[in-house]
Structures are given as C-alpha cells and as structure tokens.
Amino acid sequence: MLLTTMKVFNLSQARNIIACYVKRWKCEQAIAFLKGRIGFEKFSVRNYERMQNLILLAMLAMGFLCFIQLSSRVLVKGLFSFTSKFRKHISFEYYQLLDGLQLFIHQLLIERQKPPEFF
C-alpha cells in the first residue's frame, strides 16, 4: 500500500506515481549507504572546496561499485560469496558489493591467501 497526497484519476497515473516513489526510494538507499558504509556522515568539513572533494570521493566510490556491478555478473557473484550472512538478503546490492570487496581484499592482502578464481 502506498499513501500519497497526490490525486490519482486513472491506472496510468497510479503507475507513474509508484514509479516516482520507487526511484526516490533508490535515492534514499544510496544516501543511507553513503552515510553508513562510506562514512560520509563522519567527516567534519568546514571548507566548501573540501566538501566538494569529499563528495567527489564518495561518488567515485559509488561509481566504482556501479562499474563492478555492471561489468561482470561473474565477478559480482564471486564478491557476493564473500559477503557476511547478515547482508545476504539486502535488496540494495552496494552493501553486498562493498562487503564482498572488503573481505576479498582483506583475505588477499592481510591474510595473504590465494584469491579464488572469478573468471
């Protein structure tokens, strides 16, 4: 069920409104991801130029995850296999991608284990 103050007169308008709310929800999830996982909310920046740089870095991180997501489903499935069990059922895939990427890099660099073959 969706509650809205917008007036709906036909099915086409209802579908259009639902599509707008779905797009907005994806934006809300992206902002929550930037704040929670990228740490965007933890930085205290007072200079406008530094704020722009911080936003650019956060967007680059999101762009990199998007590139991974769009470039290879095999790579995405491989990274998802590293994801913690608590993130397995989250619909916003960037959480799973970042977790998988972090755990993959940790295993590769810190524990010096041979990485699995994704390709």
Protein backbone atom coordinates (compact mmCIF):
# COMPACT_ATOMS: atom_id res chain seq x y z
CA MET A 1 0.00 0.00 0.00
CA LEU A 2 1.21 3.49 -0.81
CA LEU A 3 -0.19 6.60 0.84
CA THR A 4 0.25 9.84 -1.05
CA THR A 5 -1.31 13.28 -1.20
CA MET A 6 -1.24 13.23 -4.99
CA LYS A 7 -4.58 12.85 -6.74
CA VAL A 8 -4.93 9.79 -8.94
CA PHE A 9 -7.62 9.58 -11.60
CA ASN A 10 -6.59 6.51 -13.57
CA LEU A 11 -4.33 3.47 -13.53
CA SER A 12 -1.67 5.12 -15.69
CA GLN A 13 -1.25 7.98 -13.20
CA ALA A 14 -1.08 5.49 -10.32
CA ARG A 15 1.70 3.56 -12.05
CA ASN A 16 3.56 6.78 -12.77
CA ILE A 17 3.38 7.86 -9.12
CA ILE A 18 4.55 4.44 -7.93
CA ALA A 19 7.48 4.60 -10.35
CA CYS A 20 8.46 8.01 -8.92
CA TYR A 21 8.34 6.68 -5.37
CA VAL A 22 10.46 3.65 -6.34
CA LYS A 23 13.10 5.97 -7.87
CA ARG A 24 13.05 8.14 -4.77
CA TRP A 25 13.47 5.07 -2.54
CA LYS A 26 16.57 4.07 -4.51
CA CYS A 27 18.00 7.56 -3.94
CA GLU A 28 17.24 7.28 -0.21
CA GLN A 29 19.02 3.92 -0.09
CA ALA A 30 22.05 5.38 -1.88
CA ILE A 31 22.27 8.27 0.59
CA ALA A 32 21.92 5.90 3.55
CA PHE A 33 24.69 3.76 2.02
CA LEU A 34 26.97 6.79 1.60
CA LYS A 35 26.37 7.82 5.19
CA GLY A 36 26.59 4.41 6.80
CA ARG A 37 29.12 2.40 4.78
CA ILE A 38 31.26 5.00 3.04
CA GLY A 39 31.36 7.10 6.22
CA PHE A 40 30.15 10.28 4.59
CA GLU A 41 28.45 11.48 7.76
CA LYS A 42 31.55 11.03 9.96
CA PHE A 43 33.65 13.70 8.28
CA SER A 44 33.56 17.23 9.63
CA VAL A 45 34.44 19.58 6.81
CA ARG A 46 34.05 23.33 7.08
CA ASN A 47 35.57 24.44 3.81
CA TYR A 48 33.36 24.36 0.70
CA GLU A 49 36.19 23.14 -1.54
CA ARG A 50 36.97 20.29 0.85
CA MET A 51 33.28 19.40 0.97
CA GLN A 52 33.27 19.19 -2.83
CA ASN A 53 36.33 16.92 -2.71
CA LEU A 54 34.67 14.68 -0.13
CA ILE A 55 31.50 14.42 -2.22
CA LEU A 56 33.62 13.62 -5.28
CA LEU A 57 35.43 10.82 -3.44
CA ALA A 58 32.15 9.38 -2.17
CA MET A 59 30.67 9.48 -5.67
CA LEU A 60 33.80 7.83 -7.08
CA ALA A 61 33.41 5.02 -4.55
CA MET A 62 29.77 4.58 -5.58
CA GLY A 63 30.77 4.78 -9.25
CA PHE A 64 33.40 2.09 -8.76
CA LEU A 65 30.83 -0.21 -7.15
CA CYS A 66 28.42 0.54 -10.00
CA PHE A 67 31.16 -0.28 -12.53
CA ILE A 68 31.76 -3.62 -10.82
CA GLN A 69 28.03 -4.31 -10.78
CA LEU A 70 27.61 -3.57 -14.49
CA SER A 71 30.84 -5.06 -15.79
CA SER A 72 30.60 -8.71 -14.82
CA ARG A 73 27.89 -10.77 -13.16
CA VAL A 74 30.51 -13.47 -12.53
CA LEU A 75 32.63 -11.00 -10.53
CA VAL A 76 29.56 -9.78 -8.65
CA LYS A 77 28.57 -13.35 -7.74
CA GLY A 78 32.14 -14.01 -6.60
CA LEU A 79 32.16 -10.90 -4.39
CA PHE A 80 28.72 -11.80 -3.03
CA SER A 81 30.16 -15.12 -1.91
CA PHE A 82 32.43 -13.16 0.47
CA THR A 83 29.52 -11.15 1.87
CA SER A 84 28.64 -11.70 5.50
CA LYS A 85 25.49 -13.69 6.18
CA PHE A 86 23.83 -10.59 7.63
CA ARG A 87 23.96 -8.81 4.26
CA LYS A 88 22.79 -11.69 2.05
CA HIS A 89 19.15 -10.59 1.88
CA ILE A 90 19.56 -6.82 1.41
CA SER A 91 17.95 -5.56 -1.79
CA PHE A 92 20.38 -2.64 -2.27
CA GLU A 93 23.33 -4.54 -3.78
CA TYR A 94 26.03 -1.98 -2.98
CA TYR A 95 26.11 -3.15 0.64
CA GLN A 96 26.87 -6.68 -0.52
CA LEU A 97 29.38 -5.50 -3.11
CA LEU A 98 31.32 -3.36 -0.65
CA ASP A 99 31.32 -6.08 2.00
CA GLY A 100 32.48 -8.68 -0.52
CA LEU A 101 35.16 -6.37 -1.90
CA GLN A 102 36.45 -5.50 1.57
CA LEU A 103 36.56 -9.13 2.67
CA PHE A 104 38.19 -10.18 -0.61
CA ILE A 105 40.92 -7.52 -0.25
CA HIS A 106 41.38 -8.39 3.42
CA GLN A 107 41.87 -12.04 2.56
CA LEU A 108 44.18 -11.20 -0.32
CA LEU A 109 46.38 -8.60 1.37
CA ILE A 110 46.15 -9.14 5.11
CA GLU A 111 45.82 -12.89 5.36
CA ARG A 112 47.90 -13.41 2.18
CA GLN A 113 45.69 -16.19 0.94
CA LYS A 114 45.38 -17.02 -2.71
CA PRO A 115 42.22 -15.36 -4.08
CA PRO A 116 39.57 -17.52 -5.72
CA GLU A 117 39.25 -17.54 -9.49
CA PHE A 118 36.25 -15.47 -10.56
CA PHE A 119 36.83 -15.71 -14.29
